[in-house]
């Protein structure tokens, strides 16, 4: 586990979180923290923080479908 600062572009916030090396590689491959959180299945996030962050990201107006 590594203590890292990861930035959410959608929320314009930096988070200090513990992540595994594998998770860091996946975050990088997916294009950042926001994509990782939004497109990873809930059971794989494996933390209350991840699930809460996903809920916050889903509330960002730019993610709502355009009519």
PDB file of N, CA and C in Angstrom:
ATOM      1  N   UNK A   1       0.846  -1.192   0.000  1.00  0.00           N
ATOM      2  CA  UNK A   1       0.000   0.000   0.000  1.00  0.00           C
ATOM      3  C   UNK A   1       0.882   1.242   0.000  1.00  0.00           C
ATOM      4  N   UNK A   2       0.406   2.232  -0.713  1.00  0.00           N
ATOM      5  CA  UNK A   2       1.124   3.493  -0.820  1.00  0.00           C
ATOM      6  C   UNK A   2       0.182   4.636  -0.470  1.00  0.00           C
ATOM      7  N   UNK A   3       0.663   5.587   0.288  1.00  0.00           N
ATOM      8  CA  UNK A   3      -0.095   6.798   0.586  1.00  0.00           C
ATOM      9  C   UNK A   3       0.172   7.775  -0.557  1.00  0.00           C
ATOM     10  N   UNK A   4      -0.870   8.099  -1.326  1.00  0.00           N
ATOM     11  CA  UNK A   4      -0.704   8.954  -2.499  1.00  0.00           C
ATOM     12  C   UNK A   4      -1.717  10.089  -2.494  1.00  0.00           C
ATOM     13  N   UNK A   5      -1.350  11.157  -3.181  1.00  0.00           N
ATOM     14  CA  UNK A   5      -2.267  12.257  -3.437  1.00  0.00           C
ATOM     15  C   UNK A   5      -2.781  12.064  -4.857  1.00  0.00           C
ATOM     16  N   UNK A   6      -4.085  11.900  -4.998  1.00  0.00           N
ATOM     17  CA  UNK A   6      -4.694  11.727  -6.311  1.00  0.00           C
ATOM     18  C   UNK A   6      -5.717  12.833  -6.523  1.00  0.00           C
ATOM     19  N   UNK A   7      -5.742  13.354  -7.742  1.00  0.00           N
ATOM     20  CA  UNK A   7      -6.566  14.509  -8.071  1.00  0.00           C
ATOM     21  C   UNK A   7      -7.799  14.101  -8.861  1.00  0.00           C
ATOM     22  N   UNK A   8      -8.950  14.633  -8.474  1.00  0.00           N
ATOM     23  CA  UNK A   8     -10.189  14.459  -9.217  1.00  0.00           C
ATOM     24  C   UNK A   8     -10.433  15.732 -10.010  1.00  0.00           C
ATOM     25  N   UNK A   9     -10.401  15.611 -11.330  1.00  0.00           N
ATOM     26  CA  UNK A   9     -10.649  16.771 -12.188  1.00  0.00           C
ATOM     27  C   UNK A   9     -12.100  17.227 -12.092  1.00  0.00           C
ATOM     28  N   UNK A  10     -13.020  16.277 -12.016  1.00  0.00           N
ATOM     29  CA  UNK A  10     -14.441  16.634 -11.972  1.00  0.00           C
ATOM     30  C   UNK A  10     -14.821  17.361 -10.689  1.00  0.00           C
ATOM     31  N   UNK A  11     -14.211  16.979  -9.590  1.00  0.00           N
ATOM     32  CA  UNK A  11     -14.514  17.610  -8.305  1.00  0.00           C
ATOM     33  C   UNK A  11     -13.533  18.730  -7.958  1.00  0.00           C
ATOM     34  N   UNK A  12     -12.443  18.826  -8.720  1.00  0.00           N
ATOM     35  CA  UNK A  12     -11.396  19.809  -8.467  1.00  0.00           C
ATOM     36  C   UNK A  12     -10.878  19.696  -7.029  1.00  0.00           C
ATOM     37  N   UNK A  13     -10.611  18.443  -6.625  1.00  0.00           N
ATOM     38  CA  UNK A  13     -10.114  18.155  -5.274  1.00  0.00           C
ATOM     39  C   UNK A  13      -8.974  17.159  -5.340  1.00  0.00           C
ATOM     40  N   UNK A  14      -8.085  17.259  -4.364  1.00  0.00           N
ATOM     41  CA  UNK A  14      -7.014  16.284  -4.204  1.00  0.00           C
ATOM     42  C   UNK A  14      -7.335  15.437  -2.983  1.00  0.00           C
ATOM     43  N   UNK A  15      -7.152  14.126  -3.128  1.00  0.00           N
ATOM     44  CA  UNK A  15      -7.432  13.190  -2.052  1.00  0.00           C
ATOM     45  C   UNK A  15      -6.151  12.484  -1.641  1.00  0.00           C
ATOM     46  N   UNK A  16      -5.938  12.329  -0.346  1.00  0.00           N
ATOM     47  CA  UNK A  16      -4.815  11.564   0.199  1.00  0.00           C
ATOM     48  C   UNK A  16      -5.365  10.183   0.532  1.00  0.00           C
ATOM     49  N   UNK A  17      -4.969   9.193  -0.255  1.00  0.00           N
ATOM     50  CA  UNK A  17      -5.531   7.859  -0.058  1.00  0.00           C
ATOM     51  C   UNK A  17      -4.451   6.787  -0.112  1.00  0.00           C
ATOM     52  N   UNK A  18      -4.754   5.664   0.502  1.00  0.00           N
ATOM     53  CA  UNK A  18      -3.884   4.490   0.422  1.00  0.00           C
ATOM     54  C   UNK A  18      -4.331   3.651  -0.766  1.00  0.00           C
ATOM     55  N   UNK A  19      -3.394   3.372  -1.663  1.00  0.00           N
ATOM     56  CA  UNK A  19      -3.708   2.571  -2.847  1.00  0.00           C
ATOM     57  C   UNK A  19      -2.612   1.545  -3.073  1.00  0.00           C
ATOM     58  N   UNK A  20      -2.984   0.464  -3.740  1.00  0.00           N
ATOM     59  CA  UNK A  20      -2.000  -0.555  -4.084  1.00  0.00           C
ATOM     60  C   UNK A  20      -1.296  -0.143  -5.381  1.00  0.00           C
ATOM     61  N   UNK A  21      -0.164  -0.773  -5.622  1.00  0.00           N
ATOM     62  CA  UNK A  21       0.567  -0.528  -6.862  1.00  0.00           C
ATOM     63  C   UNK A  21      -0.303  -0.901  -8.060  1.00  0.00           C
ATOM     64  N   UNK A  22      -1.014  -2.005  -7.957  1.00  0.00           N
ATOM     65  CA  UNK A  22      -1.895  -2.443  -9.044  1.00  0.00           C
ATOM     66  C   UNK A  22      -2.976  -1.401  -9.321  1.00  0.00           C
ATOM     67  N   UNK A  23      -3.566  -0.838  -8.273  1.00  0.00           N
ATOM     68  CA  UNK A  23      -4.603   0.182  -8.449  1.00  0.00           C
ATOM     69  C   UNK A  23      -4.015   1.424  -9.116  1.00  0.00           C
ATOM     70  N   UNK A  24      -2.810   1.821  -8.726  1.00  0.00           N
ATOM     71  CA  UNK A  24      -2.164   2.980  -9.351  1.00  0.00           C
ATOM     72  C   UNK A  24      -1.960   2.755 -10.845  1.00  0.00           C
ATOM     73  N   UNK A  25      -1.543   1.555 -11.215  1.00  0.00           N
ATOM     74  CA  UNK A  25      -1.346   1.237 -12.637  1.00  0.00           C
ATOM     75  C   UNK A  25      -2.682   1.315 -13.381  1.00  0.00           C
ATOM     76  N   UNK A  26      -3.727   0.784 -12.760  1.00  0.00           N
ATOM     77  CA  UNK A  26      -5.043   0.801 -13.399  1.00  0.00           C
ATOM     78  C   UNK A  26      -5.569   2.227 -13.521  1.00  0.00           C
ATOM     79  N   UNK A  27      -5.393   3.041 -12.499  1.00  0.00           N
ATOM     80  CA  UNK A  27      -5.808   4.444 -12.549  1.00  0.00           C
ATOM     81  C   UNK A  27      -5.111   5.139 -13.710  1.00  0.00           C
ATOM     82  N   UNK A  28      -3.827   4.883 -13.868  1.00  0.00           N
ATOM     83  CA  UNK A  28      -3.060   5.483 -14.959  1.00  0.00           C
ATOM     84  C   UNK A  28      -3.582   5.013 -16.316  1.00  0.00           C
ATOM     85  N   UNK A  29      -3.818   3.724 -16.457  1.00  0.00           N
ATOM     86  CA  UNK A  29      -4.306   3.163 -17.723  1.00  0.00           C
ATOM     87  C   UNK A  29      -5.687   3.694 -18.094  1.00  0.00           C
ATOM     88  N   UNK A  30      -6.516   3.952 -17.084  1.00  0.00           N
ATOM     89  CA  UNK A  30      -7.884   4.406 -17.342  1.00  0.00           C
ATOM     90  C   UNK A  30      -7.976   5.915 -17.529  1.00  0.00           C
ATOM     91  N   UNK A  31      -6.866   6.611 -17.381  1.00  0.00           N
ATOM     92  CA  UNK A  31      -6.870   8.046 -17.635  1.00  0.00           C
ATOM     93  C   UNK A  31      -7.139   8.918 -16.434  1.00  0.00           C
ATOM     94  N   UNK A  32      -6.962   8.388 -15.245  1.00  0.00           N
ATOM     95  CA  UNK A  32      -7.106   9.214 -14.055  1.00  0.00           C
ATOM     96  C   UNK A  32      -8.083   8.657 -13.036  1.00  0.00           C
ATOM     97  N   UNK A  33      -8.093   9.307 -11.896  1.00  0.00           N
ATOM     98  CA  UNK A  33      -8.911   8.867 -10.769  1.00  0.00           C
ATOM     99  C   UNK A  33     -10.399   8.843 -11.097  1.00  0.00           C
ATOM    100  N   UNK A  34     -10.885   9.887 -11.757  1.00  0.00           N
ATOM    101  CA  UNK A  34     -12.322   9.970 -12.045  1.00  0.00           C
ATOM    102  C   UNK A  34     -12.790   8.785 -12.877  1.00  0.00           C
ATOM    103  N   UNK A  35     -12.092   8.488 -13.965  1.00  0.00           N
ATOM    104  CA  UNK A  35     -12.479   7.356 -14.817  1.00  0.00           C
ATOM    105  C   UNK A  35     -12.391   6.042 -14.050  1.00  0.00           C
ATOM    106  N   UNK A  36     -11.349   5.889 -13.260  1.00  0.00           N
ATOM    107  CA  UNK A  36     -11.188   4.663 -12.474  1.00  0.00           C
ATOM    108  C   UNK A  36     -12.380   4.462 -11.545  1.00  0.00           C
ATOM    109  N   UNK A  37     -12.740   5.489 -10.813  1.00  0.00           N
ATOM    110  CA  UNK A  37     -13.842   5.380  -9.853  1.00  0.00           C
ATOM    111  C   UNK A  37     -15.176   5.161 -10.569  1.00  0.00           C
ATOM    112  N   UNK A  38     -15.414   5.911 -11.631  1.00  0.00           N
ATOM    113  CA  UNK A  38     -16.698   5.826 -12.314  1.00  0.00           C
ATOM    114  C   UNK A  38     -16.913   4.504 -13.049  1.00  0.00           C
ATOM    115  N   UNK A  39     -15.859   3.940 -13.603  1.00  0.00           N
ATOM    116  CA  UNK A  39     -16.018   2.764 -14.469  1.00  0.00           C
ATOM    117  C   UNK A  39     -15.569   1.447 -13.845  1.00  0.00           C
ATOM    118  N   UNK A  40     -15.191   1.481 -12.579  1.00  0.00           N
ATOM    119  CA  UNK A  40     -14.843   0.245 -11.873  1.00  0.00           C
ATOM    120  C   UNK A  40     -16.077  -0.229 -11.113  1.00  0.00           C
ATOM    121  N   UNK A  41     -16.361  -1.515 -11.199  1.00  0.00           N
ATOM    122  CA  UNK A  41     -17.529  -2.076 -10.506  1.00  0.00           C
ATOM    123  C   UNK A  41     -17.390  -1.861  -8.998  1.00  0.00           C
ATOM    124  N   UNK A  42     -18.528  -1.633  -8.349  1.00  0.00           N
ATOM    125  CA  UNK A  42     -18.545  -1.322  -6.920  1.00  0.00           C
ATOM    126  C   UNK A  42     -17.795  -2.349  -6.082  1.00  0.00           C
ATOM    127  N   UNK A  43     -17.990  -3.628  -6.345  1.00  0.00           N
ATOM    128  CA  UNK A  43     -17.345  -4.648  -5.517  1.00  0.00           C
ATOM    129  C   UNK A  43     -15.828  -4.644  -5.676  1.00  0.00           C
ATOM    130  N   UNK A  44     -15.315  -4.078  -6.769  1.00  0.00           N
ATOM    131  CA  UNK A  44     -13.863  -4.005  -6.962  1.00  0.00           C
ATOM    132  C   UNK A  44     -13.264  -2.780  -6.278  1.00  0.00           C
ATOM    133  N   UNK A  45     -14.068  -1.755  -6.031  1.00  0.00           N
ATOM    134  CA  UNK A  45     -13.538  -0.567  -5.344  1.00  0.00           C
ATOM    135  C   UNK A  45     -13.161  -0.913  -3.911  1.00  0.00           C
ATOM    136  N   UNK A  46     -13.931  -1.804  -3.299  1.00  0.00           N
ATOM    137  CA  UNK A  46     -13.551  -2.391  -2.017  1.00  0.00           C
ATOM    138  C   UNK A  46     -13.293  -1.392  -0.902  1.00  0.00           C
ATOM    139  N   UNK A  47     -13.954  -0.232  -0.939  1.00  0.00           N
ATOM    140  CA  UNK A  47     -13.812   0.697   0.187  1.00  0.00           C
ATOM    141  C   UNK A  47     -15.008   1.639   0.229  1.00  0.00           C
ATOM    142  N   UNK A  48     -15.353   2.048   1.413  1.00  0.00           N
ATOM    143  CA  UNK A  48     -16.431   3.009   1.582  1.00  0.00           C
ATOM    144  C   UNK A  48     -16.058   4.325   0.914  1.00  0.00           C
ATOM    145  N   UNK A  49     -14.784   4.715   1.002  1.00  0.00           N
ATOM    146  CA  UNK A  49     -14.325   5.953   0.358  1.00  0.00           C
ATOM    147  C   UNK A  49     -14.596   5.897  -1.149  1.00  0.00           C
ATOM    148  N   UNK A  50     -14.240   4.795  -1.791  1.00  0.00           N
ATOM    149  CA  UNK A  50     -14.435   4.656  -3.228  1.00  0.00           C
ATOM    150  C   UNK A  50     -15.890   4.744  -3.621  1.00  0.00           C
ATOM    151  N   UNK A  51     -16.748   4.110  -2.846  1.00  0.00           N
ATOM    152  CA  UNK A  51     -18.181   4.141  -3.143  1.00  0.00           C
ATOM    153  C   UNK A  51     -18.765   5.535  -2.920  1.00  0.00           C
ATOM    154  N   UNK A  52     -18.316   6.212  -1.873  1.00  0.00           N
ATOM    155  CA  UNK A  52     -18.791   7.569  -1.611  1.00  0.00           C
ATOM    156  C   UNK A  52     -18.304   8.527  -2.699  1.00  0.00           C
ATOM    157  N   UNK A  53     -17.057   8.346  -3.130  1.00  0.00           N
ATOM    158  CA  UNK A  53     -16.515   9.189  -4.185  1.00  0.00           C
ATOM    159  C   UNK A  53     -17.270   8.963  -5.486  1.00  0.00           C
ATOM    160  N   UNK A  54     -17.613   7.719  -5.787  1.00  0.00           N
ATOM    161  CA  UNK A  54     -18.386   7.414  -6.992  1.00  0.00           C
ATOM    162  C   UNK A  54     -19.730   8.129  -6.951  1.00  0.00           C
ATOM    163  N   UNK A  55     -20.388   8.113  -5.811  1.00  0.00           N
ATOM    164  CA  UNK A  55     -21.681   8.784  -5.670  1.00  0.00           C
ATOM    165  C   UNK A  55     -21.527  10.290  -5.902  1.00  0.00           C
ATOM    166  N   UNK A  56     -20.480  10.885  -5.370  1.00  0.00           N
ATOM    167  CA  UNK A  56     -20.234  12.322  -5.577  1.00  0.00           C
ATOM    168  C   UNK A  56     -19.961  12.627  -7.043  1.00  0.00           C
ATOM    169  N   UNK A  57     -19.166  11.778  -7.694  1.00  0.00           N
ATOM    170  CA  UNK A  57     -18.834  12.012  -9.102  1.00  0.00           C
ATOM    171  C   UNK A  57     -20.066  11.908  -9.990  1.00  0.00           C
ATOM    172  N   UNK A  58     -20.972  11.000  -9.649  1.00  0.00           N
ATOM    173  CA  UNK A  58     -22.191  10.834 -10.436  1.00  0.00           C
ATOM    174  C   UNK A  58     -23.122  12.033 -10.313  1.00  0.00           C
ATOM    175  N   UNK A  59     -22.931  12.845  -9.275  1.00  0.00           N
ATOM    176  CA  UNK A  59     -23.761  14.036  -9.073  1.00  0.00           C
ATOM    177  C   UNK A  59     -23.253  15.244  -9.846  1.00  0.00           C
ATOM    178  N   UNK A  60     -22.058  15.163 -10.422  1.00  0.00           N
ATOM    179  CA  UNK A  60     -21.485  16.293 -11.153  1.00  0.00           C
ATOM    180  C   UNK A  60     -22.326  16.539 -12.407  1.00  0.00           C
ATOM    181  N   UNK A  61     -22.825  17.769 -12.591  1.00  0.00           N
ATOM    182  CA  UNK A  61     -23.726  18.062 -13.707  1.00  0.00           C
ATOM    183  C   UNK A  61     -23.176  17.709 -15.091  1.00  0.00           C
ATOM    184  N   UNK A  62     -21.877  17.808 -15.304  1.00  0.00           N
ATOM    185  CA  UNK A  62     -21.313  17.533 -16.632  1.00  0.00           C
ATOM    186  C   UNK A  62     -21.457  16.069 -17.022  1.00  0.00           C
ATOM    187  N   UNK A  63     -21.780  15.198 -16.067  1.00  0.00           N
ATOM    188  CA  UNK A  63     -21.932  13.772 -16.363  1.00  0.00           C
ATOM    189  C   UNK A  63     -23.349  13.402 -16.760  1.00  0.00           C
ATOM    190  N   UNK A  64     -24.285  14.321 -16.566  1.00  0.00           N
ATOM    191  CA  UNK A  64     -25.676  14.009 -16.883  1.00  0.00           C
ATOM    192  C   UNK A  64     -25.864  13.952 -18.388  1.00  0.00           C
ATOM    193  N   UNK A  65     -26.657  13.007 -18.872  1.00  0.00           N
ATOM    194  CA  UNK A  65     -26.897  12.924 -20.317  1.00  0.00           C
ATOM    195  C   UNK A  65     -27.600  14.176 -20.830  1.00  0.00           C
ATOM    196  N   UNK A  66     -27.235  14.599 -22.012  1.00  0.00           N
ATOM    197  CA  UNK A  66     -27.854  15.784 -22.620  1.00  0.00           C
ATOM    198  C   UNK A  66     -29.114  15.368 -23.356  1.00  0.00           C
ATOM    199  N   UNK A  67     -30.159  16.192 -23.236  1.00  0.00           N
ATOM    200  CA  UNK A  67     -31.440  15.881 -23.888  1.00  0.00           C
ATOM    201  C   UNK A  67     -31.501  16.538 -25.249  1.00  0.00           C
TER     202      UNK A  67
END
